[in-house]
Amino acid sequence: MMGYLDCRNKIDFNKLKEISQIIRNGGIVVFPTETVYGIGTNGLNKEAISRLYEVKQRPINKPISLLVSSIDMAEMVAKDITDMEYKLMEKFFPGPLTIILKKKSIVPDNLTNNTDTVGIRMPDNIIAKKLIEHSNVPIATPSANISGKPSGIDINNIMEDFKDKVDYYLDGGQSKLGIGSTIVKIENGYPVILRDGSISKKQILECLKLK
């Protein structure tokens, strides 16, 4: 039976601790971030990630990013992080930036379509951050929508899509930004934008002191 928690006016932080254990144990939870709603599970659990792909109806060749609560947690799943990549994390974390990093072997291959990289983001939303902190694992989190549909920004539409295929829904009201994060990858010492979002290429270049 699916659960629901209304966090629009008041956040029950004790309840968030309970729900974070659902994630840690491989359950699937829909929760708000500052960009759009995410649908997430334990990002280090191969079976849970497979279920996430099925529930979202996401093609298995489309990698899923990880949400982290700290740069320390990013270092748990990524290796060979360059000075440029650290600069971007220090400037834009927490916030609507996903950065593609080289992954460690702890990251399941089905999360990344057998590639050697993984997307990392630290959300600027207290509910999302507490879920990650309390679960103590990075959360594999695509946007909360059936693949091919618009990204989820309203919990009622999301619940209509997924119904009882999700273990828990956290209602944080309408998404603040309403668009996905900017995705960036450093290639040959220069930032390449893989998806446009609310952080512009100009901001990224200014952070790195590039033209």
N, C-alpha and C. Protein backbone atom coordinates (compact mmCIF):
# COMPACT_ATOMS: atom_id res chain seq x y z
N MET A 1 0.84 -1.20 0.00
CA MET A 1 0.00 0.00 0.00
C MET A 1 0.88 1.25 0.00
N MET A 2 0.57 2.17 -0.90
CA MET A 2 1.41 3.37 -1.01
C MET A 2 1.13 4.33 0.14
N GLY A 3 2.15 5.13 0.49
CA GLY A 3 2.01 6.14 1.53
C GLY A 3 2.03 7.53 0.93
N TYR A 4 1.53 8.49 1.71
CA TYR A 4 1.48 9.89 1.27
C TYR A 4 1.74 10.78 2.47
N LEU A 5 2.59 11.79 2.28
CA LEU A 5 2.87 12.76 3.33
C LEU A 5 2.79 14.17 2.76
N ASP A 6 1.96 14.99 3.39
CA ASP A 6 1.78 16.38 2.98
C ASP A 6 2.85 17.24 3.65
N CYS A 7 3.76 17.78 2.84
CA CYS A 7 4.85 18.61 3.37
C CYS A 7 4.71 20.06 2.91
N ARG A 8 3.54 20.43 2.43
CA ARG A 8 3.37 21.75 1.84
C ARG A 8 3.50 22.87 2.87
N ASN A 9 2.94 22.67 4.05
CA ASN A 9 2.96 23.73 5.07
C ASN A 9 3.88 23.42 6.24
N LYS A 10 4.07 22.13 6.53
CA LYS A 10 4.93 21.73 7.63
C LYS A 10 5.59 20.41 7.29
N ILE A 11 6.89 20.32 7.57
CA ILE A 11 7.64 19.10 7.27
C ILE A 11 7.82 18.29 8.55
N ASP A 12 7.38 17.04 8.51
CA ASP A 12 7.57 16.13 9.63
C ASP A 12 8.93 15.43 9.44
N PHE A 13 9.96 15.97 10.08
CA PHE A 13 11.32 15.46 9.84
C PHE A 13 11.50 14.05 10.40
N ASN A 14 10.78 13.70 11.45
CA ASN A 14 10.85 12.33 11.96
C ASN A 14 10.28 11.34 10.95
N LYS A 15 9.20 11.75 10.30
CA LYS A 15 8.60 10.89 9.27
C LYS A 15 9.54 10.75 8.08
N LEU A 16 10.26 11.83 7.75
CA LEU A 16 11.23 11.75 6.65
C LEU A 16 12.30 10.71 6.93
N LYS A 17 12.69 10.59 8.20
CA LYS A 17 13.68 9.56 8.56
C LYS A 17 13.15 8.17 8.24
N GLU A 18 11.87 7.94 8.55
CA GLU A 18 11.25 6.63 8.25
C GLU A 18 11.22 6.39 6.74
N ILE A 19 10.81 7.41 5.99
CA ILE A 19 10.68 7.26 4.54
C ILE A 19 12.04 7.06 3.89
N SER A 20 13.08 7.68 4.46
CA SER A 20 14.42 7.49 3.90
C SER A 20 14.86 6.03 3.99
N GLN A 21 14.37 5.31 4.99
CA GLN A 21 14.71 3.89 5.10
C GLN A 21 14.02 3.06 4.03
N ILE A 22 12.86 3.52 3.56
CA ILE A 22 12.21 2.86 2.42
C ILE A 22 13.14 2.94 1.20
N ILE A 23 13.72 4.12 1.00
CA ILE A 23 14.66 4.31 -0.11
C ILE A 23 15.89 3.42 0.08
N ARG A 24 16.47 3.47 1.27
CA ARG A 24 17.67 2.68 1.54
C ARG A 24 17.42 1.18 1.29
N ASN A 25 16.20 0.73 1.61
CA ASN A 25 15.86 -0.69 1.45
C ASN A 25 15.40 -1.04 0.03
N GLY A 26 15.50 -0.08 -0.89
CA GLY A 26 15.19 -0.38 -2.29
C GLY A 26 13.80 -0.01 -2.73
N GLY A 27 13.03 0.68 -1.86
CA GLY A 27 11.71 1.15 -2.26
C GLY A 27 11.80 2.38 -3.14
N ILE A 28 10.67 2.75 -3.72
CA ILE A 28 10.62 3.90 -4.64
C ILE A 28 9.76 5.00 -4.04
N VAL A 29 10.32 6.21 -4.01
CA VAL A 29 9.65 7.35 -3.39
C VAL A 29 9.65 8.52 -4.36
N VAL A 30 8.52 9.20 -4.46
CA VAL A 30 8.42 10.45 -5.23
C VAL A 30 8.56 11.61 -4.25
N PHE A 31 9.42 12.56 -4.58
CA PHE A 31 9.68 13.68 -3.66
C PHE A 31 10.02 14.94 -4.44
N PRO A 32 9.84 16.10 -3.82
CA PRO A 32 10.12 17.35 -4.53
C PRO A 32 11.60 17.69 -4.53
N THR A 33 12.04 18.36 -5.58
CA THR A 33 13.33 19.05 -5.58
C THR A 33 13.02 20.48 -6.03
N GLU A 34 14.04 21.32 -6.12
CA GLU A 34 13.79 22.69 -6.56
C GLU A 34 13.55 22.79 -8.06
N THR A 35 13.90 21.74 -8.82
CA THR A 35 13.69 21.78 -10.27
C THR A 35 12.33 21.19 -10.61
N VAL A 36 12.22 19.88 -10.58
CA VAL A 36 10.95 19.18 -10.76
C VAL A 36 10.89 18.06 -9.71
N TYR A 37 9.76 17.37 -9.63
CA TYR A 37 9.69 16.22 -8.72
C TYR A 37 10.58 15.11 -9.24
N GLY A 38 11.19 14.39 -8.30
CA GLY A 38 11.99 13.23 -8.64
C GLY A 38 11.32 11.95 -8.20
N ILE A 39 11.67 10.86 -8.85
CA ILE A 39 11.23 9.53 -8.42
C ILE A 39 12.50 8.73 -8.17
N GLY A 40 12.73 8.35 -6.90
CA GLY A 40 14.04 7.84 -6.56
C GLY A 40 14.07 6.56 -5.75
N THR A 41 15.24 5.93 -5.78
CA THR A 41 15.50 4.74 -5.00
C THR A 41 16.99 4.68 -4.67
N ASN A 42 17.38 3.66 -3.93
CA ASN A 42 18.78 3.47 -3.54
C ASN A 42 19.66 3.36 -4.80
N GLY A 43 20.55 4.34 -4.97
CA GLY A 43 21.36 4.39 -6.17
C GLY A 43 22.49 3.39 -6.21
N LEU A 44 22.65 2.59 -5.15
CA LEU A 44 23.69 1.57 -5.13
C LEU A 44 23.11 0.16 -5.17
N ASN A 45 21.79 0.07 -5.37
CA ASN A 45 21.07 -1.21 -5.34
C ASN A 45 20.61 -1.55 -6.77
N LYS A 46 21.26 -2.52 -7.38
CA LYS A 46 21.01 -2.85 -8.78
C LYS A 46 19.56 -3.26 -9.03
N GLU A 47 19.00 -4.06 -8.13
CA GLU A 47 17.63 -4.53 -8.31
C GLU A 47 16.63 -3.38 -8.18
N ALA A 48 16.88 -2.49 -7.23
CA ALA A 48 16.00 -1.33 -7.05
C ALA A 48 16.04 -0.43 -8.29
N ILE A 49 17.21 -0.27 -8.87
CA ILE A 49 17.35 0.56 -10.07
C ILE A 49 16.59 -0.07 -11.23
N SER A 50 16.65 -1.39 -11.36
CA SER A 50 15.90 -2.08 -12.42
C SER A 50 14.41 -1.83 -12.26
N ARG A 51 13.92 -1.89 -11.03
CA ARG A 51 12.50 -1.62 -10.77
C ARG A 51 12.14 -0.18 -11.12
N LEU A 52 13.05 0.75 -10.81
CA LEU A 52 12.82 2.16 -11.12
C LEU A 52 12.65 2.36 -12.62
N TYR A 53 13.51 1.72 -13.41
CA TYR A 53 13.37 1.79 -14.86
C TYR A 53 12.00 1.27 -15.30
N GLU A 54 11.55 0.17 -14.71
CA GLU A 54 10.27 -0.43 -15.09
C GLU A 54 9.10 0.49 -14.74
N VAL A 55 9.12 1.03 -13.53
CA VAL A 55 8.02 1.88 -13.07
C VAL A 55 7.92 3.15 -13.92
N LYS A 56 9.05 3.72 -14.25
CA LYS A 56 9.08 4.96 -15.04
C LYS A 56 8.90 4.69 -16.54
N GLN A 57 9.03 3.40 -16.93
CA GLN A 57 8.98 3.01 -18.33
C GLN A 57 10.09 3.71 -19.11
N ARG A 58 11.25 3.77 -18.48
CA ARG A 58 12.40 4.46 -19.06
C ARG A 58 13.25 3.48 -19.85
N PRO A 59 13.65 3.84 -21.07
CA PRO A 59 14.54 2.95 -21.83
C PRO A 59 15.82 2.67 -21.03
N ILE A 60 16.24 1.42 -21.01
CA ILE A 60 17.38 1.05 -20.17
C ILE A 60 18.70 1.63 -20.68
N ASN A 61 18.69 2.16 -21.92
CA ASN A 61 19.92 2.78 -22.44
C ASN A 61 20.02 4.27 -22.07
N LYS A 62 19.08 4.76 -21.24
CA LYS A 62 19.14 6.16 -20.78
C LYS A 62 19.61 6.17 -19.33
N PRO A 63 20.84 6.60 -19.07
CA PRO A 63 21.37 6.59 -17.71
C PRO A 63 20.54 7.45 -16.76
N ILE A 64 20.63 7.14 -15.48
CA ILE A 64 19.96 7.89 -14.42
C ILE A 64 21.03 8.53 -13.54
N SER A 65 20.80 9.77 -13.15
CA SER A 65 21.75 10.48 -12.30
C SER A 65 21.55 10.14 -10.83
N LEU A 66 22.55 10.50 -10.03
CA LEU A 66 22.49 10.31 -8.58
C LEU A 66 22.37 11.66 -7.88
N LEU A 67 21.50 11.72 -6.88
CA LEU A 67 21.43 12.89 -6.01
C LEU A 67 22.26 12.62 -4.76
N VAL A 68 23.08 13.59 -4.37
CA VAL A 68 23.92 13.47 -3.19
C VAL A 68 23.63 14.62 -2.23
N SER A 69 24.03 14.45 -0.99
CA SER A 69 23.79 15.50 0.01
C SER A 69 25.05 16.26 0.37
N SER A 70 26.20 15.85 -0.19
CA SER A 70 27.47 16.51 0.12
C SER A 70 28.49 16.16 -0.95
N ILE A 71 29.56 16.94 -1.01
CA ILE A 71 30.65 16.61 -1.92
C ILE A 71 31.34 15.32 -1.47
N ASP A 72 31.36 15.07 -0.16
CA ASP A 72 31.90 13.79 0.34
C ASP A 72 31.16 12.61 -0.26
N MET A 73 29.83 12.73 -0.36
CA MET A 73 29.04 11.63 -0.94
C MET A 73 29.31 11.52 -2.43
N ALA A 74 29.54 12.66 -3.09
CA ALA A 74 29.90 12.61 -4.51
C ALA A 74 31.21 11.84 -4.68
N GLU A 75 32.16 12.07 -3.76
CA GLU A 75 33.45 11.38 -3.83
C GLU A 75 33.31 9.89 -3.54
N MET A 76 32.22 9.50 -2.91
CA MET A 76 31.97 8.08 -2.63
C MET A 76 31.68 7.31 -3.92
N VAL A 77 31.09 8.01 -4.92
CA VAL A 77 30.67 7.33 -6.14
C VAL A 77 31.45 7.77 -7.38
N ALA A 78 32.25 8.85 -7.25
CA ALA A 78 32.99 9.36 -8.41
C ALA A 78 34.48 9.39 -8.12
N LYS A 79 35.30 9.28 -9.16
CA LYS A 79 36.76 9.25 -9.00
C LYS A 79 37.41 10.22 -9.98
N ASP A 80 38.69 10.48 -9.74
CA ASP A 80 39.49 11.33 -10.64
C ASP A 80 38.81 12.67 -10.90
N ILE A 81 38.22 13.25 -9.86
CA ILE A 81 37.53 14.53 -10.01
C ILE A 81 38.57 15.63 -10.21
N THR A 82 38.40 16.40 -11.26
CA THR A 82 39.38 17.43 -11.61
C THR A 82 39.10 18.73 -10.85
N ASP A 83 40.09 19.63 -10.89
CA ASP A 83 39.91 20.93 -10.26
C ASP A 83 38.72 21.68 -10.85
N MET A 84 38.53 21.60 -12.15
CA MET A 84 37.40 22.28 -12.79
C MET A 84 36.07 21.72 -12.30
N GLU A 85 36.01 20.42 -12.15
CA GLU A 85 34.77 19.78 -11.68
C GLU A 85 34.50 20.16 -10.23
N TYR A 86 35.56 20.22 -9.41
CA TYR A 86 35.38 20.66 -8.02
C TYR A 86 34.90 22.11 -7.97
N LYS A 87 35.42 22.97 -8.83
CA LYS A 87 35.00 24.37 -8.86
C LYS A 87 33.51 24.48 -9.15
N LEU A 88 33.04 23.69 -10.10
CA LEU A 88 31.61 23.72 -10.44
C LEU A 88 30.76 23.24 -9.28
N MET A 89 31.19 22.18 -8.61
CA MET A 89 30.42 21.67 -7.47
C MET A 89 30.41 22.69 -6.33
N GLU A 90 31.57 23.29 -6.07
CA GLU A 90 31.65 24.27 -4.98
C GLU A 90 30.80 25.50 -5.25
N LYS A 91 30.66 25.88 -6.52
CA LYS A 91 29.89 27.05 -6.90
C LYS A 91 28.39 26.77 -6.96
N PHE A 92 28.01 25.65 -7.57
CA PHE A 92 26.61 25.42 -7.91
C PHE A 92 25.90 24.35 -7.08
N PHE A 93 26.63 23.68 -6.18
CA PHE A 93 25.99 22.71 -5.27
C PHE A 93 25.73 23.40 -3.94
N PRO A 94 24.56 23.28 -3.34
CA PRO A 94 23.36 22.67 -3.92
C PRO A 94 22.71 23.58 -4.96
N GLY A 95 22.10 22.98 -5.96
CA GLY A 95 21.45 23.76 -7.00
C GLY A 95 21.14 22.94 -8.23
N PRO A 96 20.59 23.58 -9.25
CA PRO A 96 20.09 22.87 -10.43
C PRO A 96 21.16 22.56 -11.48
N LEU A 97 22.28 21.98 -11.04
CA LEU A 97 23.35 21.57 -11.95
C LEU A 97 23.67 20.10 -11.73
N THR A 98 23.65 19.34 -12.82
CA THR A 98 24.12 17.95 -12.82
C THR A 98 25.45 17.91 -13.55
N ILE A 99 26.46 17.34 -12.92
CA ILE A 99 27.78 17.26 -13.53
C ILE A 99 28.14 15.79 -13.78
N ILE A 100 28.64 15.52 -14.97
CA ILE A 100 29.01 14.15 -15.35
C ILE A 100 30.44 13.88 -14.89
N LEU A 101 30.61 12.86 -14.06
CA LEU A 101 31.92 12.51 -13.51
C LEU A 101 32.25 11.05 -13.80
N LYS A 102 33.53 10.71 -13.69
CA LYS A 102 33.92 9.31 -13.81
C LYS A 102 33.42 8.55 -12.59
N LYS A 103 32.83 7.40 -12.82
CA LYS A 103 32.21 6.67 -11.71
C LYS A 103 33.16 5.63 -11.11
N LYS A 104 32.92 5.33 -9.84
CA LYS A 104 33.61 4.23 -9.18
C LYS A 104 32.83 2.94 -9.39
N SER A 105 33.47 1.82 -9.10
CA SER A 105 32.85 0.51 -9.35
C SER A 105 31.66 0.25 -8.43
N ILE A 106 31.51 1.03 -7.36
CA ILE A 106 30.38 0.88 -6.44
C ILE A 106 29.06 1.21 -7.13
N VAL A 107 29.12 1.99 -8.23
CA VAL A 107 27.90 2.40 -8.95
C VAL A 107 27.47 1.28 -9.89
N PRO A 108 26.23 0.78 -9.76
CA PRO A 108 25.77 -0.32 -10.62
C PRO A 108 25.77 0.07 -12.10
N ASP A 109 26.16 -0.87 -12.94
CA ASP A 109 26.25 -0.61 -14.38
C ASP A 109 24.89 -0.29 -15.00
N ASN A 110 23.80 -0.86 -14.44
CA ASN A 110 22.50 -0.60 -15.06
C ASN A 110 22.01 0.83 -14.81
N LEU A 111 22.64 1.54 -13.87
CA LEU A 111 22.32 2.95 -13.66
C LEU A 111 22.87 3.81 -14.78
N THR A 112 24.00 3.39 -15.34
CA THR A 112 24.75 4.23 -16.28
C THR A 112 24.85 3.65 -17.69
N ASN A 113 24.04 2.63 -17.98
CA ASN A 113 24.08 1.97 -19.29
C ASN A 113 25.49 1.48 -19.62
N ASN A 114 26.15 0.92 -18.59
CA ASN A 114 27.47 0.31 -18.75
C ASN A 114 28.56 1.30 -19.19
N THR A 115 28.32 2.60 -18.99
CA THR A 115 29.36 3.57 -19.30
C THR A 115 30.21 3.80 -18.05
N ASP A 116 31.30 4.57 -18.22
CA ASP A 116 32.21 4.78 -17.09
C ASP A 116 31.98 6.12 -16.40
N THR A 117 30.83 6.75 -16.66
CA THR A 117 30.52 8.04 -16.04
C THR A 117 29.15 8.00 -15.37
N VAL A 118 28.94 8.97 -14.48
CA VAL A 118 27.66 9.07 -13.77
C VAL A 118 27.34 10.55 -13.53
N GLY A 119 26.07 10.90 -13.66
CA GLY A 119 25.63 12.26 -13.37
C GLY A 119 25.43 12.44 -11.87
N ILE A 120 25.90 13.58 -11.34
CA ILE A 120 25.82 13.87 -9.91
C ILE A 120 25.18 15.24 -9.72
N ARG A 121 24.21 15.32 -8.78
CA ARG A 121 23.61 16.60 -8.45
C ARG A 121 23.33 16.66 -6.95
N MET A 122 23.43 17.85 -6.37
CA MET A 122 23.04 18.07 -4.99
C MET A 122 21.84 19.02 -5.00
N PRO A 123 20.64 18.53 -4.68
CA PRO A 123 19.44 19.36 -4.78
C PRO A 123 19.37 20.44 -3.70
N ASP A 124 18.80 21.56 -4.07
CA ASP A 124 18.61 22.67 -3.14
C ASP A 124 17.16 22.65 -2.64
N ASN A 125 16.83 21.58 -1.96
CA ASN A 125 15.49 21.39 -1.41
C ASN A 125 15.64 20.62 -0.11
N ILE A 126 15.09 21.13 0.96
CA ILE A 126 15.31 20.54 2.29
C ILE A 126 14.77 19.12 2.38
N ILE A 127 13.63 18.84 1.73
CA ILE A 127 13.06 17.49 1.79
C ILE A 127 13.99 16.50 1.09
N ALA A 128 14.42 16.86 -0.11
CA ALA A 128 15.32 15.98 -0.86
C ALA A 128 16.63 15.76 -0.11
N LYS A 129 17.20 16.85 0.42
CA LYS A 129 18.48 16.73 1.11
C LYS A 129 18.38 15.85 2.35
N LYS A 130 17.30 15.99 3.11
CA LYS A 130 17.13 15.17 4.32
C LYS A 130 16.93 13.70 3.96
N LEU A 131 16.20 13.42 2.89
CA LEU A 131 16.03 12.03 2.46
C LEU A 131 17.38 11.39 2.13
N ILE A 132 18.23 12.14 1.43
CA ILE A 132 19.54 11.61 1.07
C ILE A 132 20.40 11.41 2.32
N GLU A 133 20.42 12.42 3.19
CA GLU A 133 21.22 12.33 4.42
C GLU A 133 20.80 11.15 5.27
N HIS A 134 19.49 11.01 5.49
CA HIS A 134 19.01 9.95 6.39
C HIS A 134 19.13 8.56 5.77
N SER A 135 18.98 8.46 4.45
CA SER A 135 19.15 7.14 3.82
C SER A 135 20.63 6.77 3.74
N ASN A 136 21.49 7.80 3.77
CA ASN A 136 22.95 7.61 3.78
C ASN A 136 23.44 6.90 2.52
N VAL A 137 22.70 7.06 1.44
CA VAL A 137 23.14 6.57 0.13
C VAL A 137 22.73 7.61 -0.92
N PRO A 138 23.48 7.71 -2.02
CA PRO A 138 23.01 8.56 -3.11
C PRO A 138 21.72 7.98 -3.68
N ILE A 139 20.82 8.85 -4.08
CA ILE A 139 19.52 8.40 -4.57
C ILE A 139 19.47 8.50 -6.09
N ALA A 140 19.22 7.38 -6.75
CA ALA A 140 19.03 7.37 -8.20
C ALA A 140 17.70 8.05 -8.50
N THR A 141 17.75 9.17 -9.23
CA THR A 141 16.56 10.00 -9.35
C THR A 141 16.40 10.64 -10.73
N PRO A 142 15.57 10.04 -11.59
CA PRO A 142 15.12 10.77 -12.78
C PRO A 142 13.90 11.62 -12.40
N SER A 143 13.41 12.40 -13.36
CA SER A 143 12.20 13.19 -13.09
C SER A 143 10.99 12.27 -12.92
N ALA A 144 10.03 12.72 -12.12
CA ALA A 144 8.87 11.89 -11.78
C ALA A 144 7.79 12.01 -12.85
N ASN A 145 7.99 11.29 -13.92
CA ASN A 145 7.01 11.23 -15.00
C ASN A 145 7.22 9.93 -15.77
N ILE A 146 6.16 9.46 -16.41
CA ILE A 146 6.32 8.35 -17.34
C ILE A 146 7.18 8.85 -18.50
N SER A 147 8.16 8.06 -18.92
CA SER A 147 9.06 8.50 -19.99
C SER A 147 8.28 8.96 -21.21
N GLY A 148 8.66 10.11 -21.73
CA GLY A 148 7.98 10.68 -22.89
C GLY A 148 6.97 11.75 -22.52
N LYS A 149 6.53 11.75 -21.26
CA LYS A 149 5.60 12.77 -20.80
C LYS A 149 6.38 13.95 -20.21
N PRO A 150 5.73 15.13 -20.05
CA PRO A 150 6.43 16.27 -19.44
C PRO A 150 6.88 15.95 -18.02
N SER A 151 7.98 16.58 -17.59
CA SER A 151 8.49 16.38 -16.23
C SER A 151 7.43 16.75 -15.20
N GLY A 152 7.40 15.99 -14.10
CA GLY A 152 6.38 16.18 -13.08
C GLY A 152 6.64 17.39 -12.19
N ILE A 153 5.70 18.33 -12.15
CA ILE A 153 5.81 19.48 -11.26
C ILE A 153 4.64 19.58 -10.30
N ASP A 154 3.63 18.71 -10.49
CA ASP A 154 2.44 18.71 -9.65
C ASP A 154 2.17 17.30 -9.15
N ILE A 155 2.08 17.13 -7.84
CA ILE A 155 1.98 15.79 -7.25
C ILE A 155 0.73 15.03 -7.69
N ASN A 156 -0.37 15.74 -7.93
CA ASN A 156 -1.61 15.06 -8.32
C ASN A 156 -1.47 14.39 -9.67
N ASN A 157 -0.84 15.07 -10.62
CA ASN A 157 -0.61 14.47 -11.94
C ASN A 157 0.34 13.28 -11.84
N ILE A 158 1.34 13.42 -10.97
CA ILE A 158 2.32 12.34 -10.80
C ILE A 158 1.65 11.10 -10.19
N MET A 159 0.80 11.32 -9.20
CA MET A 159 0.11 10.19 -8.57
C MET A 159 -0.83 9.51 -9.56
N GLU A 160 -1.42 10.28 -10.43
CA GLU A 160 -2.30 9.71 -11.46
C GLU A 160 -1.51 8.81 -12.40
N ASP A 161 -0.26 9.21 -12.70
CA ASP A 161 0.59 8.41 -13.60
C ASP A 161 1.04 7.10 -12.95
N PHE A 162 1.52 7.19 -11.71
CA PHE A 162 2.20 6.04 -11.10
C PHE A 162 1.32 5.21 -10.16
N LYS A 163 0.29 5.85 -9.60
CA LYS A 163 -0.63 5.17 -8.68
C LYS A 163 0.13 4.38 -7.62
N ASP A 164 -0.18 3.08 -7.44
CA ASP A 164 0.43 2.30 -6.35
C ASP A 164 1.73 1.61 -6.76
N LYS A 165 2.30 2.00 -7.90
CA LYS A 165 3.60 1.44 -8.29
C LYS A 165 4.74 2.08 -7.50
N VAL A 166 4.41 3.19 -6.83
CA VAL A 166 5.37 3.91 -5.98
C VAL A 166 5.05 3.62 -4.53
N ASP A 167 6.08 3.49 -3.70
CA ASP A 167 5.87 3.15 -2.29
C ASP A 167 5.43 4.35 -1.44
N TYR A 168 5.92 5.54 -1.79
CA TYR A 168 5.58 6.72 -0.99
C TYR A 168 5.64 7.99 -1.85
N TYR A 169 4.69 8.89 -1.56
CA TYR A 169 4.65 10.20 -2.22
C TYR A 169 4.83 11.29 -1.17
N LEU A 170 5.74 12.21 -1.45
CA LEU A 170 5.94 13.38 -0.59
C LEU A 170 5.48 14.62 -1.35
N ASP A 171 4.48 15.30 -0.81
CA ASP A 171 3.87 16.44 -1.47
C ASP A 171 4.50 17.73 -0.95
N GLY A 172 5.30 18.39 -1.80
CA GLY A 172 5.93 19.64 -1.42
C GLY A 172 5.34 20.84 -2.13
N GLY A 173 4.15 20.65 -2.73
CA GLY A 173 3.55 21.73 -3.49
C GLY A 173 4.15 21.83 -4.89
N GLN A 174 3.82 22.89 -5.60
CA GLN A 174 4.30 23.09 -6.97
C GLN A 174 5.81 23.27 -6.98
N SER A 175 6.47 22.70 -7.98
CA SER A 175 7.92 22.83 -8.11
C SER A 175 8.31 24.30 -8.32
N LYS A 176 9.42 24.70 -7.68
CA LYS A 176 9.84 26.11 -7.71
C LYS A 176 10.31 26.53 -9.10
N LEU A 177 11.18 25.74 -9.71
CA LEU A 177 11.75 26.11 -11.00
C LEU A 177 10.95 25.54 -12.17
N GLY A 178 10.54 24.29 -12.05
CA GLY A 178 9.69 23.69 -13.08
C GLY A 178 10.42 23.18 -14.31
N ILE A 179 11.74 23.29 -14.34
CA ILE A 179 12.52 22.73 -15.45
C ILE A 179 13.67 21.91 -14.86
N GLY A 180 14.14 20.95 -15.65
CA GLY A 180 15.22 20.09 -15.18
C GLY A 180 16.53 20.83 -15.02
N SER A 181 17.48 20.17 -14.39
CA SER A 181 18.79 20.79 -14.14
C SER A 181 19.60 20.90 -15.43
N THR A 182 20.51 21.86 -15.45
CA THR A 182 21.52 21.92 -16.50
C THR A 182 22.46 20.73 -16.32
N ILE A 183 22.78 20.06 -17.41
CA ILE A 183 23.73 18.94 -17.35
C ILE A 183 25.01 19.36 -18.07
N VAL A 184 26.14 19.24 -17.38
CA VAL A 184 27.42 19.66 -17.95
C VAL A 184 28.46 18.56 -17.80
N LYS A 185 29.34 18.48 -18.80
CA LYS A 185 30.45 17.53 -18.75
C LYS A 185 31.72 18.26 -19.20
N ILE A 186 32.79 18.07 -18.45
CA ILE A 186 34.07 18.66 -18.84
C ILE A 186 34.76 17.72 -19.83
N GLU A 187 35.00 18.23 -21.03
CA GLU A 187 35.68 17.45 -22.06
C GLU A 187 36.88 18.23 -22.57
N ASN A 188 38.05 17.64 -22.44
CA ASN A 188 39.30 18.29 -22.87
C ASN A 188 39.46 19.68 -22.27
N GLY A 189 39.12 19.78 -20.98
CA GLY A 189 39.32 21.03 -20.26
C GLY A 189 38.32 22.12 -20.57
N TYR A 190 37.17 21.74 -21.15
CA TYR A 190 36.16 22.75 -21.48
C TYR A 190 34.77 22.19 -21.18
N PRO A 191 33.85 23.04 -20.63
CA PRO A 191 32.52 22.54 -20.28
C PRO A 191 31.62 22.39 -21.50
N VAL A 192 31.01 21.23 -21.63
CA VAL A 192 30.04 20.96 -22.70
C VAL A 192 28.66 20.82 -22.06
N ILE A 193 27.69 21.60 -22.53
CA ILE A 193 26.34 21.53 -21.99
C ILE A 193 25.58 20.41 -22.70
N LEU A 194 25.17 19.40 -21.95
CA LEU A 194 24.44 18.27 -22.53
C LEU A 194 22.93 18.49 -22.46
N ARG A 195 22.50 19.32 -21.52
CA ARG A 195 21.08 19.70 -21.44
C ARG A 195 20.98 21.10 -20.85
N ASP A 196 20.23 21.96 -21.49
CA ASP A 196 20.03 23.31 -20.97
C ASP A 196 19.10 23.29 -19.76
N GLY A 197 19.39 24.15 -18.81
CA GLY A 197 18.55 24.30 -17.63
C GLY A 197 18.66 25.73 -17.13
N SER A 198 18.37 25.94 -15.86
CA SER A 198 18.32 27.31 -15.34
C SER A 198 19.71 27.91 -15.07
N ILE A 199 20.75 27.07 -15.02
CA ILE A 199 22.12 27.58 -14.94
C ILE A 199 22.67 27.66 -16.36
N SER A 200 23.06 28.86 -16.77
CA SER A 200 23.46 29.08 -18.16
C SER A 200 24.93 28.70 -18.41
N LYS A 201 25.25 28.54 -19.68
CA LYS A 201 26.64 28.28 -20.04
C LYS A 201 27.51 29.46 -19.65
N LYS A 202 26.97 30.67 -19.75
CA LYS A 202 27.71 31.86 -19.37
C LYS A 202 28.12 31.81 -17.90
N GLN A 203 27.19 31.39 -17.03
CA GLN A 203 27.50 31.27 -15.60
C GLN A 203 28.60 30.23 -15.36
N ILE A 204 28.53 29.13 -16.10
CA ILE A 204 29.52 28.07 -15.94
C ILE A 204 30.89 28.55 -16.40
N LEU A 205 30.92 29.24 -17.54
CA LEU A 205 32.20 29.76 -18.05
C LEU A 205 32.78 30.80 -17.08
N GLU A 206 31.93 31.66 -16.51
CA GLU A 206 32.41 32.65 -15.56
C GLU A 206 33.00 31.99 -14.32
N CYS A 207 32.35 30.92 -13.86
CA CYS A 207 32.85 30.18 -12.70
C CYS A 207 34.24 29.63 -12.98
N LEU A 208 34.45 29.14 -14.19
CA LEU A 208 35.72 28.52 -14.54
C LEU A 208 36.72 29.49 -15.14
N LYS A 209 36.29 30.78 -15.21
CA LYS A 209 37.15 31.83 -15.79
C LYS A 209 37.58 31.47 -17.21
N LEU A 210 36.60 31.04 -18.00
CA LEU A 210 36.81 30.70 -19.40
C LEU A 210 35.96 31.59 -20.29
N LYS A 211 36.27 31.61 -21.59
CA LYS A 211 35.47 32.36 -22.56
C LYS A 211 34.78 31.41 -23.51
